[in-house]
Amino acid sequence: MKRQHGRMRAAGSLVAAAGAAAVFTAAVLPGAAWAAGDDPYAFDGGATQVKGAASSLDAQQLKAGQSYRDSIKKDGKLYYRVDLDAKQNAYVSVVAVPKAGGKVEYGDGIKVSLQDGSNAQCGYQDTAFGSAGFTRPITAYAHRTIEADSSTCQQAGAYYVLVERTSKAVSTPDDWELEIRYLTEPGVKQTGPTELPENWPSSSPPPPAGGPQKRQGGAGFHDATSLKQGEWRADIKPGQTLFYRVPVDWGQQLFATAEIGSSPSGATTYVSNALVLSLDNPARGHVDEDTLSYDGKQATLALDPHRPVAFENRYSSNSYTNALRFAGWYYLSATLSPEVAKEYGDKPVPLTLRVNVIGTPKAGPAYDGDAGAFKVTDDDRDAAASGASGPQAQKSDSMALVAAAGIGAGTVLIVGLGLWTLAGRRRAARATPQDGPPQFGPPTTW
């Protein structure tokens, strides 16, 4: 019976491993990314609830590598605390999510700043809704950058994150939900160049080859659908935001265009700022955005060309270039105005994203530690090819480990079973004389 039990365990491990491998394969099939639902934003399910303080001295501490949730009132101000060393760069991003269907005016938005104990401002970013005056998720970040020739915000100690919301009197007064993320970037072992090259490739590349492939976007940064270079087809509802992410390595440039299809209704009513296409960096700092208008005919917009991703970009005074300071997942989000529903109905509109990633990856800076989110790995490229979202990619990695562990355990058990059988046969041979009846000794203990 024990021998039978051993065989069953080995077979069970192999079956489990095969099942895990099957799940792993299914999880990364192209087009398997989660579709965005009717909710305006999908928050990180692992985010911790936090309460922003009215005073810096009452601020709750944020931990590096974690996400948090809070909400902010109209014209509100909230403080949080981060404890920084004197070596690492720090980034705190805030995604502001107004309620769907609310009213916002030009200039409404958020400002995120990072300050030291003497109220010196280390860095800030403010993001507003601009001419596209309809509610959608917007993001901004603040950072502390270690610089050899600076004395401001370089010391270790307590720092304070201030989140401010600006709203016009006629704007909807509802609270805005917040998703907060705190990341650190290692310092470098050796300082590289700080001057940017005068010339860089600024001409837009031709459209990617291969034709359109279906890939529906996610509903937030956390479940953004992965993309590589190509032409990607989705459906977007009025008022909906679709999120995508693209791995961009050191020395590479990201080019993106968006096209919405013609309306089958035949209507030709003009809707200004009907589609917004935004670009955010791996720390969820805002990089750029553009809008297009719609009159029932197909229309296309393209984000402006920007410099290749480079460490020295952080020393630029140009906000677009400054945000292209590290490798990693860059995020594209597309939002269709709810006004489209009033003129063309609430059915989804066909959307195509064309993504080009230009340039050969270069070696990154000599970080004094793991680059964390600020690098591109082979697994990232695999996720971009398959369309896996962040959670799906993590699940696939976990299932791969389970499958490998199952196969390894099964192999060990099969080898052990073979050795056990061989040892039993040898003992039986030694216990049996060449002539005469078999002699039985005491039972063997296992």
Protein backbone atom coordinates (compact mmCIF):
# COMPACT_ATOMS: atom_id res chain seq x y z
CA MET A 1 0.00 0.00 0.00
CA LYS A 2 2.85 2.37 0.76
CA ARG A 3 4.33 1.72 -2.62
CA GLN A 4 0.94 2.43 -4.22
CA HIS A 5 0.64 5.65 -2.18
CA GLY A 6 4.01 6.80 -3.43
CA ARG A 7 2.98 6.33 -7.03
CA MET A 8 -0.24 8.27 -6.46
CA ARG A 9 1.65 11.21 -4.94
CA ALA A 10 4.03 11.37 -7.87
CA ALA A 11 1.22 11.20 -10.38
CA GLY A 12 -0.74 13.82 -8.44
CA SER A 13 2.22 16.22 -8.50
CA LEU A 14 2.58 15.82 -12.23
CA VAL A 15 -1.13 16.42 -12.77
CA ALA A 16 -0.97 19.52 -10.57
CA ALA A 17 2.05 20.78 -12.47
CA ALA A 18 0.35 20.17 -15.81
CA GLY A 19 -2.76 22.00 -14.58
CA ALA A 20 -0.67 24.91 -13.34
CA ALA A 21 1.14 25.08 -16.66
CA ALA A 22 -2.20 25.10 -18.48
CA VAL A 23 -3.44 27.97 -16.29
CA PHE A 24 -0.17 29.81 -16.87
CA THR A 25 -0.54 29.46 -20.62
CA ALA A 26 -4.18 30.57 -20.59
CA ALA A 27 -3.40 33.58 -18.43
CA VAL A 28 -1.12 35.15 -21.00
CA LEU A 29 -3.04 34.51 -24.18
CA PRO A 30 -3.26 37.63 -26.38
CA GLY A 31 -6.42 39.63 -25.88
CA ALA A 32 -7.03 38.23 -22.39
CA ALA A 33 -6.64 41.57 -20.60
CA TRP A 34 -9.49 42.68 -18.39
CA ALA A 35 -12.04 44.84 -20.13
CA ALA A 36 -12.89 48.19 -18.59
CA GLY A 37 -16.30 48.23 -16.96
CA ASP A 38 -18.79 50.98 -16.32
CA ASP A 39 -16.96 52.26 -13.24
CA PRO A 40 -14.80 55.29 -14.03
CA TYR A 41 -11.68 53.82 -12.41
CA ALA A 42 -10.42 50.47 -11.10
CA PHE A 43 -8.47 51.12 -7.91
CA ASP A 44 -5.62 48.93 -6.74
CA GLY A 45 -7.31 46.24 -4.65
CA GLY A 46 -4.26 46.05 -2.39
CA ALA A 47 -4.29 49.76 -1.52
CA THR A 48 -4.40 50.73 2.16
CA GLN A 49 -6.89 53.30 3.40
CA VAL A 50 -5.19 56.45 4.72
CA LYS A 51 -6.48 59.76 6.06
CA GLY A 52 -4.76 62.93 4.92
CA ALA A 53 -4.17 65.49 7.67
CA ALA A 54 -4.95 69.19 7.76
CA SER A 55 -1.50 69.88 9.32
CA SER A 56 1.88 68.48 8.36
CA LEU A 57 2.65 67.52 11.95
CA ASP A 58 -0.42 65.25 12.05
CA ALA A 59 0.37 63.57 8.73
CA GLN A 60 0.27 59.79 8.51
CA GLN A 61 3.39 58.07 7.19
CA LEU A 62 3.46 56.43 3.75
CA LYS A 63 5.60 53.34 3.15
CA ALA A 64 7.70 52.93 0.02
CA GLY A 65 6.33 50.50 -2.54
CA GLN A 66 2.76 50.71 -1.27
CA SER A 67 -0.47 52.16 -2.63
CA TYR A 68 -3.05 54.05 -0.60
CA ARG A 69 -6.60 55.37 -0.95
CA ASP A 70 -8.13 58.58 0.35
CA SER A 71 -10.56 61.27 -0.80
CA ILE A 72 -10.33 65.05 -1.01
CA LYS A 73 -13.04 67.68 -0.71
CA LYS A 74 -13.54 70.64 -2.99
CA ASP A 75 -10.63 73.08 -2.53
CA GLY A 76 -9.20 70.67 0.04
CA LYS A 77 -5.59 70.29 1.23
CA LEU A 78 -4.18 67.03 2.60
CA TYR A 79 -0.78 66.24 4.14
CA TYR A 80 1.06 62.91 4.24
CA ARG A 81 4.53 62.09 5.55
CA VAL A 82 7.44 60.17 4.01
CA ASP A 83 10.75 59.49 5.77
CA LEU A 84 13.63 59.79 3.30
CA ASP A 85 17.32 58.93 3.47
CA ALA A 86 20.05 60.97 1.80
CA LYS A 87 20.67 58.51 -1.07
CA GLN A 88 17.45 57.56 -2.85
CA ASN A 89 15.15 59.56 -5.09
CA ALA A 90 11.51 59.55 -4.01
CA TYR A 91 8.26 59.83 -5.99
CA VAL A 92 4.72 60.22 -4.68
CA SER A 93 1.93 60.15 -7.26
CA VAL A 94 -1.76 60.90 -6.87
CA VAL A 95 -4.54 59.80 -9.22
CA ALA A 96 -7.62 61.96 -8.68
CA VAL A 97 -10.91 60.33 -9.68
CA PRO A 98 -14.00 62.60 -9.73
CA LYS A 99 -17.43 61.02 -9.82
CA ALA A 100 -18.64 60.13 -13.28
CA GLY A 101 -20.93 62.69 -14.86
CA GLY A 102 -19.72 65.58 -12.70
CA LYS A 103 -18.95 69.08 -13.97
CA VAL A 104 -15.43 70.49 -14.09
CA GLU A 105 -14.17 73.76 -15.47
CA TYR A 106 -10.97 74.83 -17.19
CA GLY A 107 -8.24 74.97 -14.54
CA ASP A 108 -9.85 72.50 -12.12
CA GLY A 109 -7.28 69.93 -11.04
CA ILE A 110 -4.75 68.80 -8.43
CA LYS A 111 -1.29 69.86 -7.33
CA VAL A 112 1.10 67.46 -5.60
CA SER A 113 4.20 68.87 -3.89
CA LEU A 114 6.95 67.46 -1.66
CA GLN A 115 8.39 69.66 1.09
CA ASP A 116 10.99 69.33 3.81
CA GLY A 117 10.58 70.38 7.44
CA SER A 118 11.57 73.97 6.68
CA ASN A 119 8.88 74.28 3.98
CA ALA A 120 11.42 74.16 1.15
CA GLN A 121 9.73 72.75 -1.94
CA CYS A 122 11.60 69.78 -3.39
CA GLY A 123 9.39 69.27 -6.44
CA TYR A 124 5.80 69.54 -7.55
CA GLN A 125 3.43 68.95 -10.44
CA ASP A 126 -0.05 70.27 -11.09
CA THR A 127 -2.45 68.75 -13.59
CA ALA A 128 -5.68 70.35 -14.73
CA PHE A 129 -8.58 69.26 -16.92
CA GLY A 130 -7.85 71.97 -19.47
CA SER A 131 -10.13 72.52 -22.43
CA ALA A 132 -11.57 68.99 -22.18
CA GLY A 133 -13.94 69.95 -19.37
CA PHE A 134 -15.37 66.56 -18.40
CA THR A 135 -14.57 64.35 -15.44
CA ARG A 136 -11.95 61.64 -15.85
CA PRO A 137 -9.00 60.29 -13.84
CA ILE A 138 -6.03 62.68 -13.81
CA THR A 139 -2.63 62.18 -12.21
CA ALA A 140 0.24 64.27 -10.86
CA TYR A 141 3.40 63.50 -8.87
CA ALA A 142 6.06 65.14 -6.74
CA HIS A 143 9.65 64.01 -6.34
CA ARG A 144 12.84 64.51 -4.37
CA THR A 145 15.88 64.14 -6.64
CA ILE A 146 19.39 63.68 -5.27
CA GLU A 147 21.68 66.21 -6.97
CA ALA A 148 25.37 66.68 -6.21
CA ASP A 149 25.29 70.45 -6.74
CA SER A 150 22.15 71.09 -4.66
CA SER A 151 21.69 71.62 -0.92
CA THR A 152 17.88 71.73 -0.92
CA CYS A 153 15.97 68.61 0.11
CA GLN A 154 19.12 66.46 0.15
CA GLN A 155 19.20 65.54 3.84
CA ALA A 156 17.67 62.50 5.49
CA GLY A 157 14.57 63.13 7.58
CA ALA A 158 10.84 63.71 7.51
CA TYR A 159 9.29 65.15 4.36
CA TYR A 160 5.69 66.08 3.68
CA VAL A 161 3.47 65.44 0.68
CA LEU A 162 0.83 68.11 0.11
CA VAL A 163 -2.13 67.35 -2.16
CA GLU A 164 -4.26 70.35 -3.16
CA ARG A 165 -7.48 70.37 -5.17
CA THR A 166 -8.55 73.40 -7.15
CA SER A 167 -12.19 73.79 -8.26
CA LYS A 168 -14.22 76.60 -9.72
CA ALA A 169 -17.39 77.76 -7.94
CA VAL A 170 -19.63 76.22 -10.61
CA SER A 171 -17.86 72.84 -10.54
CA THR A 172 -19.48 69.79 -8.95
CA PRO A 173 -18.64 69.86 -5.21
CA ASP A 174 -18.49 66.06 -4.73
CA ASP A 175 -15.40 64.56 -3.12
CA TRP A 176 -12.71 63.17 -5.43
CA GLU A 177 -11.32 59.72 -4.71
CA LEU A 178 -7.52 59.49 -4.56
CA GLU A 179 -5.10 56.68 -5.32
CA ILE A 180 -1.66 57.45 -3.84
CA ARG A 181 1.56 55.59 -4.64
CA TYR A 182 5.01 56.07 -3.11
CA LEU A 183 8.11 54.73 -4.90
CA THR A 184 11.85 55.10 -4.37
CA GLU A 185 14.63 55.00 -6.96
CA PRO A 186 18.17 53.98 -5.91
CA GLY A 187 20.99 56.45 -6.10
CA VAL A 188 23.75 55.89 -8.64
CA LYS A 189 27.25 54.63 -7.89
CA GLN A 190 28.76 57.08 -10.33
CA THR A 191 27.29 60.30 -11.69
CA GLY A 192 26.93 60.39 -15.47
CA PRO A 193 26.42 63.27 -17.90
CA THR A 194 23.93 65.96 -17.01
CA GLU A 195 23.89 67.77 -20.35
CA LEU A 196 21.33 66.70 -22.95
CA PRO A 197 22.41 66.21 -26.57
CA GLU A 198 21.37 69.06 -28.84
CA ASN A 199 20.12 66.78 -31.59
CA TRP A 200 17.67 63.94 -31.15
CA PRO A 201 15.31 62.06 -33.51
CA SER A 202 12.10 64.08 -33.53
CA SER A 203 10.45 62.87 -36.72
CA SER A 204 7.45 60.58 -36.29
CA PRO A 205 7.94 57.00 -37.55
CA PRO A 206 5.65 55.33 -40.10
CA PRO A 207 2.64 53.44 -38.74
CA PRO A 208 3.48 50.01 -37.28
CA ALA A 209 3.05 47.07 -39.63
CA GLY A 210 0.91 44.00 -39.08
CA GLY A 211 -2.61 45.40 -39.10
CA PRO A 212 -4.99 45.91 -36.16
CA GLN A 213 -5.24 43.41 -33.31
CA LYS A 214 -7.97 43.39 -30.68
CA ARG A 215 -6.84 44.50 -27.23
CA GLN A 216 -9.32 46.11 -24.84
CA GLY A 217 -7.92 48.49 -22.24
CA GLY A 218 -8.06 48.28 -18.48
CA ALA A 219 -9.96 50.59 -16.15
CA GLY A 220 -7.02 51.94 -14.14
CA PHE A 221 -3.24 52.05 -13.77
CA HIS A 222 -3.28 48.88 -11.70
CA ASP A 223 -4.97 46.73 -14.37
CA ALA A 224 -3.72 48.57 -17.46
CA THR A 225 -3.47 46.33 -20.52
CA SER A 226 0.09 45.72 -21.75
CA LEU A 227 1.05 46.70 -25.29
CA LYS A 228 4.09 46.36 -27.49
CA GLN A 229 4.67 48.10 -30.81
CA GLY A 230 1.67 47.57 -33.05
CA GLU A 231 -1.84 48.65 -34.00
CA TRP A 232 -4.41 47.90 -31.32
CA ARG A 233 -8.18 47.93 -31.68
CA ALA A 234 -10.66 48.52 -28.83
CA ASP A 235 -14.17 49.82 -28.18
CA ILE A 236 -14.69 52.80 -25.91
CA LYS A 237 -17.94 54.10 -24.43
CA PRO A 238 -18.72 57.78 -23.95
CA GLY A 239 -17.37 58.82 -20.54
CA GLN A 240 -15.06 55.82 -20.32
CA THR A 241 -11.27 55.81 -19.83
CA LEU A 242 -9.15 52.93 -21.12
CA PHE A 243 -5.66 52.35 -19.67
CA TYR A 244 -2.67 50.74 -21.38
CA ARG A 245 1.00 50.36 -20.51
CA VAL A 246 4.06 50.04 -22.78
CA PRO A 247 7.57 49.00 -21.69
CA VAL A 248 10.08 51.66 -22.78
CA ASP A 249 13.75 50.99 -22.08
CA TRP A 250 16.70 53.34 -21.73
CA GLY A 251 17.42 55.06 -25.05
CA GLN A 252 14.01 54.30 -26.54
CA GLN A 253 11.23 56.66 -27.67
CA LEU A 254 7.50 56.09 -27.45
CA PHE A 255 5.23 57.40 -30.22
CA ALA A 256 1.46 57.03 -29.97
CA THR A 257 -1.54 58.00 -32.08
CA ALA A 258 -5.24 57.44 -31.47
CA GLU A 259 -8.01 57.19 -34.06
CA ILE A 260 -11.75 57.02 -33.49
CA GLY A 261 -13.91 55.55 -36.22
CA SER A 262 -16.75 57.04 -38.15
CA SER A 263 -20.26 56.88 -36.69
CA PRO A 264 -22.73 54.47 -38.34
CA SER A 265 -25.59 56.84 -37.44
CA GLY A 266 -24.71 59.28 -40.20
CA ALA A 267 -24.89 62.24 -37.78
CA THR A 268 -22.37 65.05 -38.25
CA THR A 269 -22.75 67.10 -35.06
CA TYR A 270 -19.48 68.66 -33.94
CA VAL A 271 -18.16 67.68 -30.46
CA SER A 272 -15.07 69.57 -29.35
CA ASN A 273 -12.37 67.77 -27.34
CA ALA A 274 -14.17 64.49 -27.85
CA LEU A 275 -11.15 62.28 -27.13
CA VAL A 276 -8.25 62.82 -24.72
CA LEU A 277 -5.03 60.78 -25.07
CA SER A 278 -2.65 61.03 -22.10
CA LEU A 279 0.87 59.77 -21.39
CA ASP A 280 2.23 59.14 -17.87
CA ASN A 281 5.61 57.82 -16.75
CA PRO A 282 6.46 54.73 -14.61
CA ALA A 283 6.07 56.76 -11.40
CA ARG A 284 2.66 57.94 -12.69
CA GLY A 285 3.92 61.42 -13.29
CA HIS A 286 2.05 63.23 -16.06
CA VAL A 287 4.06 63.63 -19.27
CA ASP A 288 1.75 64.89 -22.01
CA GLU A 289 -1.75 64.80 -23.47
CA ASP A 290 -3.67 65.92 -26.53
CA THR A 291 -7.30 66.08 -27.63
CA LEU A 292 -9.27 65.75 -30.86
CA SER A 293 -12.73 66.85 -31.90
CA TYR A 294 -15.34 64.64 -33.59
CA ASP A 295 -17.99 65.22 -36.22
CA GLY A 296 -19.04 61.66 -36.93
CA LYS A 297 -16.12 61.03 -39.30
CA GLN A 298 -12.90 59.23 -38.47
CA ALA A 299 -10.37 61.46 -36.74
CA THR A 300 -6.77 60.98 -35.57
CA LEU A 301 -4.49 62.65 -33.03
CA ALA A 302 -0.81 62.07 -32.29
CA LEU A 303 1.14 62.88 -29.15
CA ASP A 304 4.07 65.20 -29.77
CA PRO A 305 7.48 63.54 -30.28
CA HIS A 306 9.65 63.55 -27.17
CA ARG A 307 13.28 62.78 -26.41
CA PRO A 308 14.46 59.22 -25.80
CA VAL A 309 14.27 57.98 -22.21
CA ALA A 310 17.52 58.97 -20.46
CA PHE A 311 18.78 59.48 -16.92
CA GLU A 312 20.05 62.96 -17.76
CA ASN A 313 16.54 64.07 -18.78
CA ARG A 314 15.86 64.76 -15.09
CA TYR A 315 18.18 67.74 -15.27
CA SER A 316 16.09 69.43 -17.98
CA SER A 317 13.89 72.41 -17.19
CA ASN A 318 11.42 71.22 -19.85
CA SER A 319 8.63 69.44 -17.99
CA TYR A 320 8.00 66.93 -20.79
CA THR A 321 11.66 65.93 -21.00
CA ASN A 322 12.13 65.93 -17.22
CA ALA A 323 9.40 63.31 -16.85
CA LEU A 324 11.14 60.92 -19.28
CA ARG A 325 13.81 60.23 -16.68
CA PHE A 326 13.70 56.45 -16.31
CA ALA A 327 12.91 53.18 -18.04
CA GLY A 328 9.86 51.10 -17.18
CA TRP A 329 6.15 50.92 -17.93
CA TYR A 330 4.80 54.08 -19.56
CA TYR A 331 1.03 54.49 -19.43
CA LEU A 332 -1.36 55.57 -22.19
CA SER A 333 -4.95 56.43 -21.32
CA ALA A 334 -7.77 57.37 -23.68
CA THR A 335 -11.02 59.02 -22.54
CA LEU A 336 -14.09 59.57 -24.71
CA SER A 337 -16.21 62.58 -23.81
CA PRO A 338 -19.69 61.87 -22.42
CA GLU A 339 -20.93 64.55 -24.84
CA VAL A 340 -20.54 62.00 -27.62
CA ALA A 341 -23.48 60.05 -26.16
CA LYS A 342 -25.77 63.05 -26.46
CA GLU A 343 -25.12 63.41 -30.18
CA TYR A 344 -24.31 59.86 -31.32
CA GLY A 345 -25.84 57.58 -28.69
CA ASP A 346 -24.22 55.66 -25.84
CA LYS A 347 -22.98 52.73 -27.91
CA PRO A 348 -19.20 52.08 -27.92
CA VAL A 349 -17.11 53.89 -30.51
CA PRO A 350 -14.30 52.04 -32.33
CA LEU A 351 -10.85 53.15 -31.13
CA THR A 352 -7.43 52.32 -32.58
CA LEU A 353 -4.10 53.00 -30.88
CA ARG A 354 -0.92 52.87 -32.94
CA VAL A 355 2.19 52.47 -30.84
CA ASN A 356 5.82 52.70 -31.97
CA VAL A 357 8.79 52.05 -29.69
CA ILE A 358 11.88 53.34 -31.49
CA GLY A 359 15.54 52.81 -30.65
CA THR A 360 17.82 50.05 -29.42
CA PRO A 361 17.75 49.59 -25.63
CA LYS A 362 20.84 50.95 -23.88
CA ALA A 363 22.46 50.11 -20.58
CA GLY A 364 20.92 51.99 -17.70
CA PRO A 365 22.69 53.90 -14.94
CA ALA A 366 24.81 52.07 -12.38
CA TYR A 367 22.17 52.04 -9.66
CA ASP A 368 23.29 51.37 -6.11
CA GLY A 369 20.57 48.72 -5.67
CA ASP A 370 17.67 47.15 -7.50
CA ALA A 371 16.05 49.53 -9.98
CA GLY A 372 12.61 48.20 -9.02
CA ALA A 373 9.91 49.69 -11.25
CA PHE A 374 12.47 51.68 -13.23
CA LYS A 375 13.68 48.98 -15.60
CA VAL A 376 12.38 46.75 -18.40
CA THR A 377 12.71 42.99 -17.97
CA ASP A 378 12.16 40.00 -20.26
CA ASP A 379 8.97 39.28 -18.31
CA ASP A 380 7.77 42.82 -19.09
CA ARG A 381 8.35 42.24 -22.79
CA ASP A 382 6.48 38.93 -22.58
CA ALA A 383 3.55 40.67 -20.90
CA ALA A 384 3.54 43.35 -23.60
CA ALA A 385 3.44 40.68 -26.29
CA SER A 386 0.61 38.74 -24.64
CA GLY A 387 -1.49 41.69 -23.47
CA ALA A 388 -1.40 40.67 -19.81
CA SER A 389 -2.33 43.33 -17.27
CA GLY A 390 -0.19 43.86 -14.18
CA PRO A 391 -2.21 41.45 -11.98
CA GLN A 392 -2.35 38.88 -14.78
CA ALA A 393 1.41 39.06 -15.29
CA GLN A 394 1.99 38.58 -11.55
CA LYS A 395 -0.41 35.65 -11.52
CA SER A 396 1.34 34.11 -14.51
CA ASP A 397 4.70 34.42 -12.75
CA SER A 398 3.25 32.77 -9.65
CA MET A 399 1.70 29.94 -11.66
CA ALA A 400 5.01 29.39 -13.46
CA LEU A 401 6.71 28.97 -10.09
CA VAL A 402 3.98 26.59 -8.95
CA ALA A 403 4.31 24.59 -12.15
CA ALA A 404 8.09 24.43 -11.83
CA ALA A 405 7.80 23.41 -8.19
CA GLY A 406 5.22 20.75 -9.06
CA ILE A 407 7.31 19.31 -11.85
CA GLY A 408 10.39 19.36 -9.62
CA ALA A 409 8.57 17.60 -6.80
CA GLY A 410 7.15 15.03 -9.20
CA THR A 411 10.59 14.32 -10.63
CA VAL A 412 12.08 13.83 -7.15
CA LEU A 413 9.27 11.45 -6.19
CA ILE A 414 9.64 9.39 -9.37
CA VAL A 415 13.41 9.11 -8.89
CA GLY A 416 12.87 8.20 -5.23
CA LEU A 417 10.30 5.58 -6.19
CA GLY A 418 12.73 3.99 -8.64
CA LEU A 419 15.54 3.86 -6.06
CA TRP A 420 13.18 2.44 -3.46
CA THR A 421 12.05 -0.33 -5.84
CA LEU A 422 15.65 -1.14 -6.79
CA ALA A 423 16.74 -1.30 -3.15
CA GLY A 424 13.84 -3.64 -2.34
CA ARG A 425 14.81 -6.01 -5.12
CA ARG A 426 18.42 -6.10 -3.94
CA ARG A 427 17.38 -6.87 -0.37
CA ALA A 428 15.13 -9.65 -1.60
CA ALA A 429 18.00 -11.11 -3.63
CA ARG A 430 20.36 -11.02 -0.64
CA ALA A 431 17.73 -12.65 1.61
CA THR A 432 17.14 -15.59 -0.82
CA PRO A 433 19.80 -18.45 -0.80
CA GLN A 434 20.84 -19.91 -4.11
CA ASP A 435 19.52 -23.35 -3.05
CA GLY A 436 16.64 -24.31 -0.80
CA PRO A 437 13.53 -22.53 0.28
CA PRO A 438 13.48 -18.79 0.83
CA GLN A 439 14.45 -17.55 4.29
CA PHE A 440 12.44 -14.68 5.78
CA GLY A 441 14.06 -12.31 8.27
CA PRO A 442 12.53 -9.51 10.34
CA PRO A 443 10.43 -6.90 8.48
CA THR A 444 12.20 -3.91 7.06
CA THR A 445 11.25 -0.55 8.58
CA TRP A 446 10.65 2.39 6.17
